[in-house]
PDB file of all heavy atoms in Angstrom:
ATOM      1  N   TRP A   1       0.941  -1.210   0.007  1.00  0.00           N
ATOM      2  CA  TRP A   1      -0.054   0.025   0.020  1.00  0.00           C
ATOM      3  C   TRP A   1       0.818   1.327   0.030  1.00  0.00           C
ATOM      4  O   TRP A   1       2.019   1.155   0.317  1.00  0.00           O
ATOM      5  CB  TRP A   1      -0.968  -0.007   1.146  1.00  0.00           C
ATOM      6  CG  TRP A   1      -0.362   0.051   2.554  1.00  0.00           C
ATOM      7  CD1 TRP A   1      -0.335   1.125   3.357  1.00  0.00           C
ATOM      8  CD2 TRP A   1       0.138  -1.029   3.326  1.00  0.00           C
ATOM      9  NE1 TRP A   1       0.243   0.818   4.469  1.00  0.00           N
ATOM     10  CE2 TRP A   1       0.522  -0.599   4.620  1.00  0.00           C
ATOM     11  CE3 TRP A   1       0.376  -2.483   2.967  1.00  0.00           C
ATOM     12  CZ2 TRP A   1       1.155  -1.342   5.524  1.00  0.00           C
ATOM     13  CZ3 TRP A   1       1.039  -3.149   4.012  1.00  0.00           C
ATOM     14  CH2 TRP A   1       1.285  -2.631   5.199  1.00  0.00           C
ATOM     15  N   MET A   2       0.261   2.366  -0.390  1.00  0.00           N
ATOM     16  CA  MET A   2       1.000   3.612  -0.628  1.00  0.00           C
ATOM     17  C   MET A   2       1.258   4.489   0.648  1.00  0.00           C
ATOM     18  O   MET A   2       0.451   4.313   1.584  1.00  0.00           O
ATOM     19  CB  MET A   2       0.316   4.554  -1.664  1.00  0.00           C
ATOM     20  CG  MET A   2       0.170   3.865  -2.975  1.00  0.00           C
ATOM     21  SD  MET A   2      -0.605   4.859  -4.244  1.00  0.00           S
ATOM     22  CE  MET A   2      -2.290   4.977  -3.528  1.00  0.00           C
ATOM     23  N   GLN A   3       2.277   5.265   0.531  1.00  0.00           N
ATOM     24  CA  GLN A   3       2.552   6.243   1.558  1.00  0.00           C
ATOM     25  C   GLN A   3       1.360   7.094   1.847  1.00  0.00           C
ATOM     26  O   GLN A   3       0.716   7.539   1.043  1.00  0.00           O
ATOM     27  CB  GLN A   3       3.717   7.038   1.243  1.00  0.00           C
ATOM     28  CG  GLN A   3       4.168   8.132   2.355  1.00  0.00           C
ATOM     29  CD  GLN A   3       5.300   8.993   1.885  1.00  0.00           C
ATOM     30  OE1 GLN A   3       5.219   9.519   0.710  1.00  0.00           O
ATOM     31  NE2 GLN A   3       6.303   9.084   2.727  1.00  0.00           N
ATOM     32  N   GLY A   4       1.065   7.398   3.148  1.00  0.00           N
ATOM     33  CA  GLY A   4      -0.121   8.122   3.563  1.00  0.00           C
ATOM     34  C   GLY A   4      -1.278   7.426   3.735  1.00  0.00           C
ATOM     35  O   GLY A   4      -2.383   7.812   4.308  1.00  0.00           O
ATOM     36  N   ASP A   5      -1.364   6.066   3.363  1.00  0.00           N
ATOM     37  CA  ASP A   5      -2.535   5.276   3.510  1.00  0.00           C
ATOM     38  C   ASP A   5      -2.210   4.192   4.492  1.00  0.00           C
ATOM     39  O   ASP A   5      -1.115   3.941   4.782  1.00  0.00           O
ATOM     40  CB  ASP A   5      -2.855   4.511   2.159  1.00  0.00           C
ATOM     41  CG  ASP A   5      -3.502   5.339   1.124  1.00  0.00           C
ATOM     42  OD1 ASP A   5      -4.039   6.535   1.519  1.00  0.00           O
ATOM     43  OD2 ASP A   5      -3.396   4.945  -0.024  1.00  0.00           O
ATOM     44  N   GLN A   6      -3.306   3.646   5.054  1.00  0.00           N
ATOM     45  CA  GLN A   6      -3.147   2.398   5.832  1.00  0.00           C
ATOM     46  C   GLN A   6      -3.942   1.285   5.175  1.00  0.00           C
ATOM     47  O   GLN A   6      -4.773   1.523   4.305  1.00  0.00           O
ATOM     48  CB  GLN A   6      -3.565   2.586   7.306  1.00  0.00           C
ATOM     49  CG  GLN A   6      -4.945   3.018   7.508  1.00  0.00           C
ATOM     50  CD  GLN A   6      -5.237   3.557   8.913  1.00  0.00           C
ATOM     51  OE1 GLN A   6      -4.411   4.170   9.578  1.00  0.00           O
ATOM     52  NE2 GLN A   6      -6.284   2.963   9.471  1.00  0.00           N
ATOM     53  N   LEU A   7      -3.596   0.011   5.526  1.00  0.00           N
ATOM     54  CA  LEU A   7      -4.201  -1.079   4.769  1.00  0.00           C
ATOM     55  C   LEU A   7      -5.750  -1.069   4.829  1.00  0.00           C
ATOM     56  O   LEU A   7      -6.402  -1.439   3.867  1.00  0.00           O
ATOM     57  CB  LEU A   7      -3.630  -2.389   5.289  1.00  0.00           C
ATOM     58  CG  LEU A   7      -3.807  -3.610   4.512  1.00  0.00           C
ATOM     59  CD1 LEU A   7      -3.342  -3.402   3.094  1.00  0.00           C
ATOM     60  CD2 LEU A   7      -3.115  -4.821   5.171  1.00  0.00           C
ATOM     61  N   SER A   8      -6.221  -0.629   5.931  1.00  0.00           N
ATOM     62  CA  SER A   8      -7.658  -0.659   6.112  1.00  0.00           C
ATOM     63  C   SER A   8      -8.451   0.402   5.178  1.00  0.00           C
ATOM     64  O   SER A   8      -9.597   0.354   5.122  1.00  0.00           O
ATOM     65  CB  SER A   8      -8.127  -0.382   7.608  1.00  0.00           C
ATOM     66  OG  SER A   8      -7.570   0.904   7.942  1.00  0.00           O
ATOM     67  N   ASP A   9      -7.665   1.296   4.522  1.00  0.00           N
ATOM     68  CA  ASP A   9      -8.264   2.183   3.515  1.00  0.00           C
ATOM     69  C   ASP A   9      -8.762   1.555   2.338  1.00  0.00           C
ATOM     70  O   ASP A   9      -9.454   2.110   1.504  1.00  0.00           O
ATOM     71  CB  ASP A   9      -7.263   3.319   3.118  1.00  0.00           C
ATOM     72  CG  ASP A   9      -6.852   4.288   4.288  1.00  0.00           C
ATOM     73  OD1 ASP A   9      -7.721   4.399   5.234  1.00  0.00           O
ATOM     74  OD2 ASP A   9      -5.767   4.851   4.299  1.00  0.00           O
ATOM     75  N   HIS A  10      -8.345   0.296   2.135  1.00  0.00           N
ATOM     76  CA  HIS A  10      -8.842  -0.558   0.885  1.00  0.00           C
ATOM     77  C   HIS A  10      -8.308   0.142  -0.401  1.00  0.00           C
ATOM     78  O   HIS A  10      -9.047   0.273  -1.414  1.00  0.00           O
ATOM     79  CB  HIS A  10     -10.327  -0.727   0.882  1.00  0.00           C
ATOM     80  CG  HIS A  10     -10.847  -1.418   1.988  1.00  0.00           C
ATOM     81  ND1 HIS A  10     -10.802  -2.686   2.178  1.00  0.00           N
ATOM     82  CD2 HIS A  10     -11.484  -0.866   3.111  1.00  0.00           C
ATOM     83  CE1 HIS A  10     -11.297  -3.109   3.330  1.00  0.00           C
ATOM     84  NE2 HIS A  10     -11.776  -1.998   3.945  1.00  0.00           N
ATOM     85  N   CYS A  11      -6.997   0.414  -0.278  1.00  0.00           N
ATOM     86  CA  CYS A  11      -6.214   0.881  -1.480  1.00  0.00           C
ATOM     87  C   CYS A  11      -4.896   0.187  -1.529  1.00  0.00           C
ATOM     88  O   CYS A  11      -3.960   0.717  -0.865  1.00  0.00           O
ATOM     89  CB  CYS A  11      -6.138   2.405  -1.368  1.00  0.00           C
ATOM     90  SG  CYS A  11      -5.382   3.116  -2.856  1.00  0.00           S
ATOM     91  N   PHE A  12      -4.890  -1.027  -2.136  1.00  0.00           N
ATOM     92  CA  PHE A  12      -3.627  -1.773  -2.119  1.00  0.00           C
ATOM     93  C   PHE A  12      -3.506  -2.728  -3.233  1.00  0.00           C
ATOM     94  O   PHE A  12      -4.542  -2.975  -3.842  1.00  0.00           O
ATOM     95  CB  PHE A  12      -3.421  -2.594  -0.729  1.00  0.00           C
ATOM     96  CG  PHE A  12      -4.581  -3.537  -0.457  1.00  0.00           C
ATOM     97  CD1 PHE A  12      -4.549  -4.787  -0.830  1.00  0.00           C
ATOM     98  CD2 PHE A  12      -5.696  -3.152   0.327  1.00  0.00           C
ATOM     99  CE1 PHE A  12      -5.516  -5.679  -0.549  1.00  0.00           C
ATOM    100  CE2 PHE A  12      -6.680  -4.076   0.560  1.00  0.00           C
ATOM    101  CZ  PHE A  12      -6.682  -5.293   0.131  1.00  0.00           C
ATOM    102  N   ALA A  13      -2.335  -3.307  -3.494  1.00  0.00           N
ATOM    103  CA  ALA A  13      -2.122  -4.260  -4.469  1.00  0.00           C
ATOM    104  C   ALA A  13      -1.762  -5.520  -3.625  1.00  0.00           C
ATOM    105  O   ALA A  13      -1.283  -5.465  -2.435  1.00  0.00           O
ATOM    106  CB  ALA A  13      -0.965  -3.965  -5.440  1.00  0.00           C
ATOM    107  N   TYR A  14      -2.067  -6.739  -4.224  1.00  0.00           N
ATOM    108  CA  TYR A  14      -1.699  -7.885  -3.548  1.00  0.00           C
ATOM    109  C   TYR A  14      -1.267  -9.002  -4.488  1.00  0.00           C
ATOM    110  O   TYR A  14      -1.470  -9.035  -5.631  1.00  0.00           O
ATOM    111  CB  TYR A  14      -2.811  -8.500  -2.704  1.00  0.00           C
ATOM    112  CG  TYR A  14      -4.065  -9.000  -3.469  1.00  0.00           C
ATOM    113  CD1 TYR A  14      -4.091 -10.446  -3.956  1.00  0.00           C
ATOM    114  CD2 TYR A  14      -5.178  -8.289  -3.747  1.00  0.00           C
ATOM    115  CE1 TYR A  14      -5.169 -10.851  -4.621  1.00  0.00           C
ATOM    116  CE2 TYR A  14      -6.263  -8.726  -4.440  1.00  0.00           C
ATOM    117  CZ  TYR A  14      -6.178 -10.154  -4.874  1.00  0.00           C
ATOM    118  OH  TYR A  14      -7.294 -10.562  -5.581  1.00  0.00           O
ATOM    119  N   PHE A  15      -0.387  -9.987  -3.958  1.00  0.00           N
ATOM    120  CA  PHE A  15       0.078 -11.134  -4.549  1.00  0.00           C
ATOM    121  C   PHE A  15      -0.461 -12.261  -3.720  1.00  0.00           C
ATOM    122  O   PHE A  15      -0.119 -12.333  -2.533  1.00  0.00           O
ATOM    123  CB  PHE A  15       1.570 -11.182  -4.635  1.00  0.00           C
ATOM    124  CG  PHE A  15       2.198 -12.364  -5.195  1.00  0.00           C
ATOM    125  CD1 PHE A  15       2.215 -12.668  -6.504  1.00  0.00           C
ATOM    126  CD2 PHE A  15       2.805 -13.279  -4.365  1.00  0.00           C
ATOM    127  CE1 PHE A  15       2.802 -13.793  -7.006  1.00  0.00           C
ATOM    128  CE2 PHE A  15       3.363 -14.483  -4.845  1.00  0.00           C
ATOM    129  CZ  PHE A  15       3.280 -14.683  -6.140  1.00  0.00           C
ATOM    130  N   HIS A  16      -1.167 -13.219  -4.337  1.00  0.00           N
ATOM    131  CA  HIS A  16      -1.699 -14.446  -3.657  1.00  0.00           C
ATOM    132  C   HIS A  16      -1.139 -15.770  -4.012  1.00  0.00           C
ATOM    133  O   HIS A  16      -1.029 -16.041  -5.266  1.00  0.00           O
ATOM    134  CB  HIS A  16      -3.228 -14.524  -3.722  1.00  0.00           C
ATOM    135  CG  HIS A  16      -3.730 -15.623  -3.175  1.00  0.00           C
ATOM    136  ND1 HIS A  16      -4.372 -16.700  -3.910  1.00  0.00           N
ATOM    137  CD2 HIS A  16      -3.880 -16.089  -1.844  1.00  0.00           C
ATOM    138  CE1 HIS A  16      -4.860 -17.666  -3.087  1.00  0.00           C
ATOM    139  NE2 HIS A  16      -4.543 -17.327  -1.873  1.00  0.00           N
ATOM    140  N   GLN A  17      -0.610 -16.440  -3.132  1.00  0.00           N
ATOM    141  CA  GLN A  17      -0.069 -17.809  -3.472  1.00  0.00           C
ATOM    142  C   GLN A  17      -0.991 -18.875  -2.772  1.00  0.00           C
ATOM    143  O   GLN A  17      -0.954 -19.008  -1.643  1.00  0.00           O
ATOM    144  CB  GLN A  17       1.366 -17.938  -3.090  1.00  0.00           C
ATOM    145  CG  GLN A  17       1.970 -19.198  -3.391  1.00  0.00           C
ATOM    146  CD  GLN A  17       3.438 -19.313  -2.899  1.00  0.00           C
ATOM    147  OE1 GLN A  17       3.738 -18.913  -1.786  1.00  0.00           O
ATOM    148  NE2 GLN A  17       4.283 -19.831  -3.743  1.00  0.00           N
ATOM    149  N   PRO A  18      -1.785 -19.652  -3.635  1.00  0.00           N
ATOM    150  CA  PRO A  18      -2.647 -20.681  -2.931  1.00  0.00           C
ATOM    151  C   PRO A  18      -1.918 -21.807  -2.415  1.00  0.00           C
ATOM    152  O   PRO A  18      -0.697 -22.013  -2.914  1.00  0.00           O
ATOM    153  CB  PRO A  18      -3.460 -21.105  -4.172  1.00  0.00           C
ATOM    154  CG  PRO A  18      -2.892 -20.594  -5.396  1.00  0.00           C
ATOM    155  CD  PRO A  18      -1.933 -19.445  -5.094  1.00  0.00           C
ATOM    156  N   ASN A  19      -2.554 -22.525  -1.513  1.00  0.00           N
ATOM    157  CA  ASN A  19      -1.813 -23.631  -0.972  1.00  0.00           C
ATOM    158  C   ASN A  19      -1.611 -24.823  -1.983  1.00  0.00           C
ATOM    159  O   ASN A  19      -0.771 -25.718  -1.929  1.00  0.00           O
ATOM    160  CB  ASN A  19      -2.571 -24.224   0.198  1.00  0.00           C
ATOM    161  CG  ASN A  19      -2.325 -23.415   1.499  1.00  0.00           C
ATOM    162  OD1 ASN A  19      -1.308 -22.528   1.441  1.00  0.00           O
ATOM    163  ND2 ASN A  19      -3.237 -23.513   2.443  1.00  0.00           N
ATOM    164  N   SER A  20      -2.606 -24.801  -2.962  1.00  0.00           N
ATOM    165  CA  SER A  20      -2.511 -25.900  -4.021  1.00  0.00           C
ATOM    166  C   SER A  20      -1.412 -25.563  -4.972  1.00  0.00           C
ATOM    167  O   SER A  20      -0.720 -24.541  -4.926  1.00  0.00           O
ATOM    168  CB  SER A  20      -3.850 -25.958  -4.661  1.00  0.00           C
ATOM    169  OG  SER A  20      -4.153 -24.710  -5.378  1.00  0.00           O
ATOM    170  N   SER A  21      -1.447 -26.239  -6.083  1.00  0.00           N
ATOM    171  CA  SER A  21      -0.378 -26.031  -7.112  1.00  0.00           C
ATOM    172  C   SER A  21      -0.945 -25.080  -8.186  1.00  0.00           C
ATOM    173  O   SER A  21      -0.367 -24.960  -9.200  1.00  0.00           O
ATOM    174  CB  SER A  21       0.001 -27.364  -7.729  1.00  0.00           C
ATOM    175  OG  SER A  21      -1.193 -28.031  -8.415  1.00  0.00           O
ATOM    176  N   LYS A  22      -2.020 -24.512  -7.895  1.00  0.00           N
ATOM    177  CA  LYS A  22      -2.604 -23.431  -8.889  1.00  0.00           C
ATOM    178  C   LYS A  22      -1.561 -22.225  -8.992  1.00  0.00           C
ATOM    179  O   LYS A  22      -0.734 -21.948  -8.127  1.00  0.00           O
ATOM    180  CB  LYS A  22      -3.973 -22.933  -8.371  1.00  0.00           C
ATOM    181  CG  LYS A  22      -5.056 -23.997  -8.363  1.00  0.00           C
ATOM    182  CD  LYS A  22      -6.299 -23.325  -7.881  1.00  0.00           C
ATOM    183  CE  LYS A  22      -7.357 -24.378  -7.945  1.00  0.00           C
ATOM    184  NZ  LYS A  22      -8.729 -23.911  -7.358  1.00  0.00           N
ATOM    185  N   ILE A  23      -1.706 -21.464 -10.068  1.00  0.00           N
ATOM    186  CA  ILE A  23      -0.849 -20.363 -10.404  1.00  0.00           C
ATOM    187  C   ILE A  23      -1.174 -19.275  -9.457  1.00  0.00           C
ATOM    188  O   ILE A  23      -2.367 -18.973  -9.144  1.00  0.00           O
ATOM    189  CB  ILE A  23      -1.027 -20.045 -11.810  1.00  0.00           C
ATOM    190  CG1 ILE A  23      -0.615 -21.096 -12.695  1.00  0.00           C
ATOM    191  CG2 ILE A  23      -0.318 -18.715 -12.035  1.00  0.00           C
ATOM    192  CD1 ILE A  23      -0.812 -20.856 -14.210  1.00  0.00           C
ATOM    193  N   PRO A  24      -0.139 -18.532  -8.885  1.00  0.00           N
ATOM    194  CA  PRO A  24      -0.446 -17.354  -7.968  1.00  0.00           C
ATOM    195  C   PRO A  24      -1.154 -16.234  -8.797  1.00  0.00           C
ATOM    196  O   PRO A  24      -1.087 -16.327 -10.036  1.00  0.00           O
ATOM    197  CB  PRO A  24       0.990 -16.873  -7.649  1.00  0.00           C
ATOM    198  CG  PRO A  24       1.835 -18.094  -7.833  1.00  0.00           C
ATOM    199  CD  PRO A  24       1.325 -18.933  -8.916  1.00  0.00           C
ATOM    200  N   SER A  25      -1.740 -15.364  -8.157  1.00  0.00           N
ATOM    201  CA  SER A  25      -2.453 -14.301  -8.858  1.00  0.00           C
ATOM    202  C   SER A  25      -2.080 -13.014  -8.107  1.00  0.00           C
ATOM    203  O   SER A  25      -1.573 -12.955  -6.943  1.00  0.00           O
ATOM    204  CB  SER A  25      -4.021 -14.548  -8.675  1.00  0.00           C
ATOM    205  OG  SER A  25      -4.379 -14.482  -7.395  1.00  0.00           O
ATOM    206  N   SER A  26      -2.368 -11.960  -8.752  1.00  0.00           N
ATOM    207  CA  SER A  26      -2.142 -10.582  -8.161  1.00  0.00           C
ATOM    208  C   SER A  26      -3.301  -9.647  -8.663  1.00  0.00           C
ATOM    209  O   SER A  26      -3.842  -9.906  -9.708  1.00  0.00           O
ATOM    210  CB  SER A  26      -0.814 -10.004  -8.550  1.00  0.00           C
ATOM    211  OG  SER A  26      -0.646  -9.909  -9.889  1.00  0.00           O
TER     212      SER A  26
END
């Protein structure tokens, strides 16, 4: 998340790695 924001502002990018062998997503 960006300077001046906090995560709870709902303005962020994410990278997700599932537990399975599925391809990660962002």
